[in-house]
Amino acid sequence: MPSGTTQIPFEAPLKAKPNRSLFETYHGVFVNVQYNLKCELKRSHFNILSKDLQKINEFILENKAIPIDSVNQVPVKFSITPESLTNARDKFNIPRFRISGHLDSTECSVVRPFTGEIVIEQTELPIKSVELQLVRVETCGCAEGYSRDATEIQNIQIGEGNVFTGIPIPIYMVFPRLFTCPTLITSNFKIGKQSLI
C-alpha cells in the first residue's frame, strides 16, 4: 500500500447466534449493550520495532424506525396538584398549585421527539423553573431476586422563572440516543423509561 491513508470500504451482515437476539445499542448503569468492531493489522516481523496494529471501534445498532402510522398515537391529558403527588413526604405543607396539560402519546419512538404541552393554571407561590426530567428504569434479576433502579438521564428546562399562568408551554424533548433504547424485556433484565414534570 502507498504511504498515507488507504480506505477500503466493506460491509458484513450482522446476525444473531441461534436462539439469541440482537438488542439496540444502550449505555446504562447496570446494563450495557455494546457492539464493537476489532481490526488487527499484522505487520512484518522482520523489523523488531514493527508491532501489530490494533483498533477497536464501537458502532451503534439501531432497528428501523417504526412507521408513525403503526404507533398508537393516543393523546393523554394530565393534571398535577399537591394531592396527586406520590413521592412527596408532607403533602399538606406544599404550597397550592394546579398544573394541567397533555402528552401527544405515551408510546414513543426513540428516534422521534417526546411532545405535548403544559399549562400552569394556578400557583400560590412564584415558580422558579419548570423542568422535564427523563428517568430510566433498569431492572436486573437473578436467582436471589430483582434490583430495580431509576436514574435520571436528561433534565431540560421548559419554563424559566415565574411563568405566566394560563399560557401553554410546549414540551419537546429529543431522547439521548446512547442512553435510551426501546422498552426491552429479557429473561435477565428489563429497561423502561418514565418522564416526570
C-alpha atoms as a PDB file:
ATOM      1  CA  MET A   1       0.000   0.000   0.000  1.00  0.00           C
ATOM      2  CA  PRO A   2       1.233   3.508  -0.684  1.00  0.00           C
ATOM      3  CA  SER A   3       2.079   5.793   2.215  1.00  0.00           C
ATOM      4  CA  GLY A   4      -0.797   7.868   3.554  1.00  0.00           C
ATOM      5  CA  THR A   5      -4.412   6.923   4.162  1.00  0.00           C
ATOM      6  CA  THR A   6      -5.901   3.997   2.274  1.00  0.00           C
ATOM      7  CA  GLN A   7      -9.653   3.454   2.604  1.00  0.00           C
ATOM      8  CA  ILE A   8     -11.128   0.028   1.904  1.00  0.00           C
ATOM      9  CA  PRO A   9     -14.954   0.062   2.014  1.00  0.00           C
ATOM     10  CA  PHE A  10     -16.545  -3.133   3.285  1.00  0.00           C
ATOM     11  CA  GLU A  11     -19.779  -4.419   4.741  1.00  0.00           C
ATOM     12  CA  ALA A  12     -20.753  -7.539   6.627  1.00  0.00           C
ATOM     13  CA  PRO A  13     -24.134  -8.878   7.728  1.00  0.00           C
ATOM     14  CA  LEU A  14     -24.754  -8.762  11.472  1.00  0.00           C
ATOM     15  CA  LYS A  15     -26.716 -11.828  12.543  1.00  0.00           C
ATOM     16  CA  ALA A  16     -27.655 -13.105  15.959  1.00  0.00           C
ATOM     17  CA  LYS A  17     -26.494 -16.532  17.104  1.00  0.00           C
ATOM     18  CA  PRO A  18     -29.169 -19.245  17.127  1.00  0.00           C
ATOM     19  CA  ASN A  19     -31.711 -18.708  19.941  1.00  0.00           C
ATOM     20  CA  ARG A  20     -30.253 -15.233  20.622  1.00  0.00           C
ATOM     21  CA  SER A  21     -31.413 -11.705  19.830  1.00  0.00           C
ATOM     22  CA  LEU A  22     -29.627  -8.535  18.804  1.00  0.00           C
ATOM     23  CA  PHE A  23     -30.640  -5.667  21.075  1.00  0.00           C
ATOM     24  CA  GLU A  24     -30.260  -1.991  20.234  1.00  0.00           C
ATOM     25  CA  THR A  25     -27.159  -0.170  21.481  1.00  0.00           C
ATOM     26  CA  TYR A  26     -27.646   1.089  25.020  1.00  0.00           C
ATOM     27  CA  HIS A  27     -25.368   2.510  27.745  1.00  0.00           C
ATOM     28  CA  GLY A  28     -26.884   2.146  31.201  1.00  0.00           C
ATOM     29  CA  VAL A  29     -25.814   1.988  34.827  1.00  0.00           C
ATOM     30  CA  PHE A  30     -26.228  -1.767  35.292  1.00  0.00           C
ATOM     31  CA  VAL A  31     -26.931  -2.875  31.714  1.00  0.00           C
ATOM     32  CA  ASN A  32     -24.764  -2.124  28.669  1.00  0.00           C
ATOM     33  CA  VAL A  33     -25.477  -3.333  25.147  1.00  0.00           C
ATOM     34  CA  GLN A  34     -22.439  -2.542  23.021  1.00  0.00           C
ATOM     35  CA  TYR A  35     -21.193  -3.678  19.639  1.00  0.00           C
ATOM     36  CA  ASN A  36     -17.531  -3.308  18.785  1.00  0.00           C
ATOM     37  CA  LEU A  37     -15.552  -3.916  15.648  1.00  0.00           C
ATOM     38  CA  LYS A  38     -11.982  -5.037  16.232  1.00  0.00           C
ATOM     39  CA  CYS A  39      -9.416  -4.658  13.476  1.00  0.00           C
ATOM     40  CA  GLU A  40      -5.893  -6.008  13.641  1.00  0.00           C
ATOM     41  CA  LEU A  41      -3.172  -5.310  11.093  1.00  0.00           C
ATOM     42  CA  LYS A  42      -0.359  -7.850  11.134  1.00  0.00           C
ATOM     43  CA  ARG A  43       2.997  -6.355  10.295  1.00  0.00           C
ATOM     44  CA  SER A  44       6.124  -7.985   9.063  1.00  0.00           C
ATOM     45  CA  HIS A  45       8.228  -9.388  11.886  1.00  0.00           C
ATOM     46  CA  PHE A  46      11.474  -8.771  10.019  1.00  0.00           C
ATOM     47  CA  ASN A  47      11.642  -5.394  11.755  1.00  0.00           C
ATOM     48  CA  ILE A  48      11.609  -5.783  15.544  1.00  0.00           C
ATOM     49  CA  LEU A  49      10.138  -2.288  16.014  1.00  0.00           C
ATOM     50  CA  SER A  50       7.122  -3.026  13.789  1.00  0.00           C
ATOM     51  CA  LYS A  51       4.384  -4.104  16.177  1.00  0.00           C
ATOM     52  CA  ASP A  52       0.983  -5.270  15.000  1.00  0.00           C
ATOM     53  CA  LEU A  53      -1.636  -2.508  14.921  1.00  0.00           C
ATOM     54  CA  GLN A  54      -4.967  -2.965  16.635  1.00  0.00           C
ATOM     55  CA  LYS A  55      -8.053  -0.736  16.752  1.00  0.00           C
ATOM     56  CA  ILE A  56     -11.420  -1.276  18.442  1.00  0.00           C
ATOM     57  CA  ASN A  57     -14.338   0.927  17.438  1.00  0.00           C
ATOM     58  CA  GLU A  58     -17.893   0.895  18.782  1.00  0.00           C
ATOM     59  CA  PHE A  59     -20.765   1.078  16.324  1.00  0.00           C
ATOM     60  CA  ILE A  60     -24.430   1.693  17.049  1.00  0.00           C
ATOM     61  CA  LEU A  61     -27.048  -0.923  16.296  1.00  0.00           C
ATOM     62  CA  GLU A  62     -30.488   0.558  15.748  1.00  0.00           C
ATOM     63  CA  ASN A  63     -33.612  -1.141  14.445  1.00  0.00           C
ATOM     64  CA  LYS A  64     -35.510   0.510  11.643  1.00  0.00           C
ATOM     65  CA  ALA A  65     -37.864   3.200  12.893  1.00  0.00           C
ATOM     66  CA  ILE A  66     -41.445   2.059  13.298  1.00  0.00           C
ATOM     67  CA  PRO A  67     -43.708   3.893  10.825  1.00  0.00           C
ATOM     68  CA  ILE A  68     -45.597   6.666  12.608  1.00  0.00           C
ATOM     69  CA  ASP A  69     -48.908   5.162  11.435  1.00  0.00           C
ATOM     70  CA  SER A  70     -48.265   1.921  13.341  1.00  0.00           C
ATOM     71  CA  VAL A  71     -47.557   3.673  16.677  1.00  0.00           C
ATOM     72  CA  ASN A  72     -50.656   4.043  18.824  1.00  0.00           C
ATOM     73  CA  GLN A  73     -50.837   7.871  18.970  1.00  0.00           C
ATOM     74  CA  VAL A  74     -53.316   8.431  21.788  1.00  0.00           C
ATOM     75  CA  PRO A  75     -53.047  11.851  23.489  1.00  0.00           C
ATOM     76  CA  VAL A  76     -53.132  11.672  27.277  1.00  0.00           C
ATOM     77  CA  LYS A  77     -54.366  14.539  29.448  1.00  0.00           C
ATOM     78  CA  PHE A  78     -52.880  15.019  32.909  1.00  0.00           C
ATOM     79  CA  SER A  79     -53.378  17.208  35.953  1.00  0.00           C
ATOM     80  CA  ILE A  80     -50.893  17.725  38.805  1.00  0.00           C
ATOM     81  CA  THR A  81     -51.848  19.041  42.239  1.00  0.00           C
ATOM     82  CA  PRO A  82     -50.252  18.568  45.676  1.00  0.00           C
ATOM     83  CA  GLU A  83     -52.770  15.753  46.337  1.00  0.00           C
ATOM     84  CA  SER A  84     -51.756  13.861  43.186  1.00  0.00           C
ATOM     85  CA  LEU A  85     -48.059  13.704  44.125  1.00  0.00           C
ATOM     86  CA  THR A  86     -46.953  10.199  45.098  1.00  0.00           C
ATOM     87  CA  ASN A  87     -43.383  10.825  46.260  1.00  0.00           C
ATOM     88  CA  ALA A  88     -43.979  13.891  48.482  1.00  0.00           C
ATOM     89  CA  ARG A  89     -43.279  13.412  52.191  1.00  0.00           C
ATOM     90  CA  ASP A  90     -45.635  16.069  53.535  1.00  0.00           C
ATOM     91  CA  LYS A  91     -48.371  16.943  51.026  1.00  0.00           C
ATOM     92  CA  PHE A  92     -50.084  19.314  53.444  1.00  0.00           C
ATOM     93  CA  ASN A  93     -47.147  21.763  53.635  1.00  0.00           C
ATOM     94  CA  ILE A  94     -46.726  22.045  49.844  1.00  0.00           C
ATOM     95  CA  PRO A  95     -47.991  25.410  48.508  1.00  0.00           C
ATOM     96  CA  ARG A  96     -51.184  25.110  46.475  1.00  0.00           C
ATOM     97  CA  PHE A  97     -50.806  24.737  42.699  1.00  0.00           C
ATOM     98  CA  ARG A  98     -52.559  23.221  39.724  1.00  0.00           C
ATOM     99  CA  ILE A  99     -50.820  22.182  36.511  1.00  0.00           C
ATOM    100  CA  SER A 100     -52.551  20.583  33.546  1.00  0.00           C
ATOM    101  CA  GLY A 101     -51.557  19.573  30.067  1.00  0.00           C
ATOM    102  CA  HIS A 102     -51.357  16.714  27.642  1.00  0.00           C
ATOM    103  CA  LEU A 103     -48.802  14.355  26.133  1.00  0.00           C
ATOM    104  CA  ASP A 104     -49.204  13.696  22.417  1.00  0.00           C
ATOM    105  CA  SER A 105     -48.648   9.981  23.026  1.00  0.00           C
ATOM    106  CA  THR A 106     -47.434   7.608  25.726  1.00  0.00           C
ATOM    107  CA  GLU A 107     -45.967   5.291  23.089  1.00  0.00           C
ATOM    108  CA  CYS A 108     -42.851   6.915  21.684  1.00  0.00           C
ATOM    109  CA  SER A 109     -40.136   6.089  19.205  1.00  0.00           C
ATOM    110  CA  VAL A 110     -36.612   6.834  20.474  1.00  0.00           C
ATOM    111  CA  VAL A 111     -35.796   8.464  17.130  1.00  0.00           C
ATOM    112  CA  ARG A 112     -38.677  10.955  17.400  1.00  0.00           C
ATOM    113  CA  PRO A 113     -39.162  13.715  19.992  1.00  0.00           C
ATOM    114  CA  PHE A 114     -41.387  13.407  23.051  1.00  0.00           C
ATOM    115  CA  THR A 115     -44.029  16.155  22.681  1.00  0.00           C
ATOM    116  CA  GLY A 116     -47.021  17.732  24.356  1.00  0.00           C
ATOM    117  CA  GLU A 117     -47.805  20.860  26.344  1.00  0.00           C
ATOM    118  CA  ILE A 118     -48.189  22.018  29.933  1.00  0.00           C
ATOM    119  CA  VAL A 119     -50.208  24.879  31.451  1.00  0.00           C
ATOM    120  CA  ILE A 120     -49.628  26.399  34.900  1.00  0.00           C
ATOM    121  CA  GLU A 121     -53.229  27.092  35.888  1.00  0.00           C
ATOM    122  CA  GLN A 122     -52.745  28.375  39.398  1.00  0.00           C
ATOM    123  CA  THR A 123     -49.883  28.710  41.896  1.00  0.00           C
ATOM    124  CA  GLU A 124     -49.771  30.056  45.438  1.00  0.00           C
ATOM    125  CA  LEU A 125     -46.053  30.977  45.312  1.00  0.00           C
ATOM    126  CA  PRO A 126     -43.857  32.104  42.403  1.00  0.00           C
ATOM    127  CA  ILE A 127     -42.375  29.265  40.350  1.00  0.00           C
ATOM    128  CA  LYS A 128     -38.589  29.161  39.967  1.00  0.00           C
ATOM    129  CA  SER A 129     -38.433  26.808  36.983  1.00  0.00           C
ATOM    130  CA  VAL A 130     -40.424  24.224  35.017  1.00  0.00           C
ATOM    131  CA  GLU A 131     -38.318  21.225  34.064  1.00  0.00           C
ATOM    132  CA  LEU A 132     -38.924  17.958  32.267  1.00  0.00           C
ATOM    133  CA  GLN A 133     -36.936  15.022  33.592  1.00  0.00           C
ATOM    134  CA  LEU A 134     -36.380  11.755  31.751  1.00  0.00           C
ATOM    135  CA  VAL A 135     -35.814   8.857  34.118  1.00  0.00           C
ATOM    136  CA  ARG A 136     -34.523   5.474  33.013  1.00  0.00           C
ATOM    137  CA  VAL A 137     -35.642   2.413  34.965  1.00  0.00           C
ATOM    138  CA  GLU A 138     -33.386  -0.659  34.843  1.00  0.00           C
ATOM    139  CA  THR A 139     -34.486  -3.917  36.414  1.00  0.00           C
ATOM    140  CA  CYS A 140     -31.887  -6.662  36.755  1.00  0.00           C
ATOM    141  CA  GLY A 141     -32.664 -10.092  38.104  1.00  0.00           C
ATOM    142  CA  CYS A 142     -31.090 -13.324  39.180  1.00  0.00           C
ATOM    143  CA  ALA A 143     -31.951 -16.313  41.374  1.00  0.00           C
ATOM    144  CA  GLU A 144     -31.556 -14.191  44.540  1.00  0.00           C
ATOM    145  CA  GLY A 145     -34.091 -11.563  43.430  1.00  0.00           C
ATOM    146  CA  TYR A 146     -34.516  -8.405  41.389  1.00  0.00           C
ATOM    147  CA  SER A 147     -32.971  -4.965  41.667  1.00  0.00           C
ATOM    148  CA  ARG A 148     -34.939  -2.030  40.247  1.00  0.00           C
ATOM    149  CA  ASP A 149     -33.152   1.307  39.934  1.00  0.00           C
ATOM    150  CA  ALA A 150     -34.307   4.592  38.433  1.00  0.00           C
ATOM    151  CA  THR A 151     -31.677   7.062  37.229  1.00  0.00           C
ATOM    152  CA  GLU A 152     -32.051  10.499  35.688  1.00  0.00           C
ATOM    153  CA  ILE A 153     -30.593  10.660  32.197  1.00  0.00           C
ATOM    154  CA  GLN A 154     -31.853  14.017  30.989  1.00  0.00           C
ATOM    155  CA  ASN A 155     -33.296  17.156  32.522  1.00  0.00           C
ATOM    156  CA  ILE A 156     -34.435  20.041  30.305  1.00  0.00           C
ATOM    157  CA  GLN A 157     -35.872  23.379  31.335  1.00  0.00           C
ATOM    158  CA  ILE A 158     -39.123  24.179  29.522  1.00  0.00           C
ATOM    159  CA  GLY A 159     -40.063  27.249  31.587  1.00  0.00           C
ATOM    160  CA  GLU A 160     -37.774  29.776  33.249  1.00  0.00           C
ATOM    161  CA  GLY A 161     -38.732  31.800  36.295  1.00  0.00           C
ATOM    162  CA  ASN A 162     -42.292  32.515  37.338  1.00  0.00           C
ATOM    163  CA  VAL A 163     -44.037  31.682  34.058  1.00  0.00           C
ATOM    164  CA  PHE A 164     -47.428  33.230  33.294  1.00  0.00           C
ATOM    165  CA  THR A 165     -50.474  31.222  34.263  1.00  0.00           C
ATOM    166  CA  GLY A 166     -52.876  30.048  31.586  1.00  0.00           C
ATOM    167  CA  ILE A 167     -50.317  30.029  28.746  1.00  0.00           C
ATOM    168  CA  PRO A 168     -49.455  26.670  27.122  1.00  0.00           C
ATOM    169  CA  ILE A 169     -45.761  25.743  27.305  1.00  0.00           C
ATOM    170  CA  PRO A 170     -44.679  23.281  24.594  1.00  0.00           C
ATOM    171  CA  ILE A 171     -42.966  20.039  25.582  1.00  0.00           C
ATOM    172  CA  TYR A 172     -40.316  18.941  23.093  1.00  0.00           C
ATOM    173  CA  MET A 173     -37.625  16.515  24.219  1.00  0.00           C
ATOM    174  CA  VAL A 174     -35.221  14.615  21.984  1.00  0.00           C
ATOM    175  CA  PHE A 175     -34.163  11.311  23.537  1.00  0.00           C
ATOM    176  CA  PRO A 176     -30.395  10.974  24.138  1.00  0.00           C
ATOM    177  CA  ARG A 177     -29.817   8.000  21.833  1.00  0.00           C
ATOM    178  CA  LEU A 178     -26.879   6.305  23.593  1.00  0.00           C
ATOM    179  CA  PHE A 179     -28.617   6.337  26.972  1.00  0.00           C
ATOM    180  CA  THR A 180     -32.101   5.311  25.857  1.00  0.00           C
ATOM    181  CA  CYS A 181     -33.476   2.366  23.947  1.00  0.00           C
ATOM    182  CA  PRO A 182     -36.905   0.974  23.169  1.00  0.00           C
ATOM    183  CA  THR A 183     -38.505  -0.795  26.130  1.00  0.00           C
ATOM    184  CA  LEU A 184     -36.575  -4.033  26.404  1.00  0.00           C
ATOM    185  CA  ILE A 185     -37.709  -7.103  28.345  1.00  0.00           C
ATOM    186  CA  THR A 186     -35.487 -10.179  28.538  1.00  0.00           C
ATOM    187  CA  SER A 187     -35.251 -13.085  30.961  1.00  0.00           C
ATOM    188  CA  ASN A 188     -32.389 -11.355  32.846  1.00  0.00           C
ATOM    189  CA  PHE A 189     -33.123  -7.634  32.673  1.00  0.00           C
ATOM    190  CA  LYS A 190     -35.699  -5.030  31.710  1.00  0.00           C
ATOM    191  CA  ILE A 191     -35.230  -1.431  30.576  1.00  0.00           C
ATOM    192  CA  GLY A 192     -38.037   1.119  30.608  1.00  0.00           C
ATOM    193  CA  LYS A 193     -38.455   4.882  30.901  1.00  0.00           C
ATOM    194  CA  GLN A 194     -40.657   7.342  32.634  1.00  0.00           C
ATOM    195  CA  SER A 195     -40.867  11.136  32.301  1.00  0.00           C
ATOM    196  CA  LEU A 196     -41.506  13.451  35.194  1.00  0.00           C
ATOM    197  CA  ILE A 197     -42.534  17.105  35.135  1.00  0.00           C
END
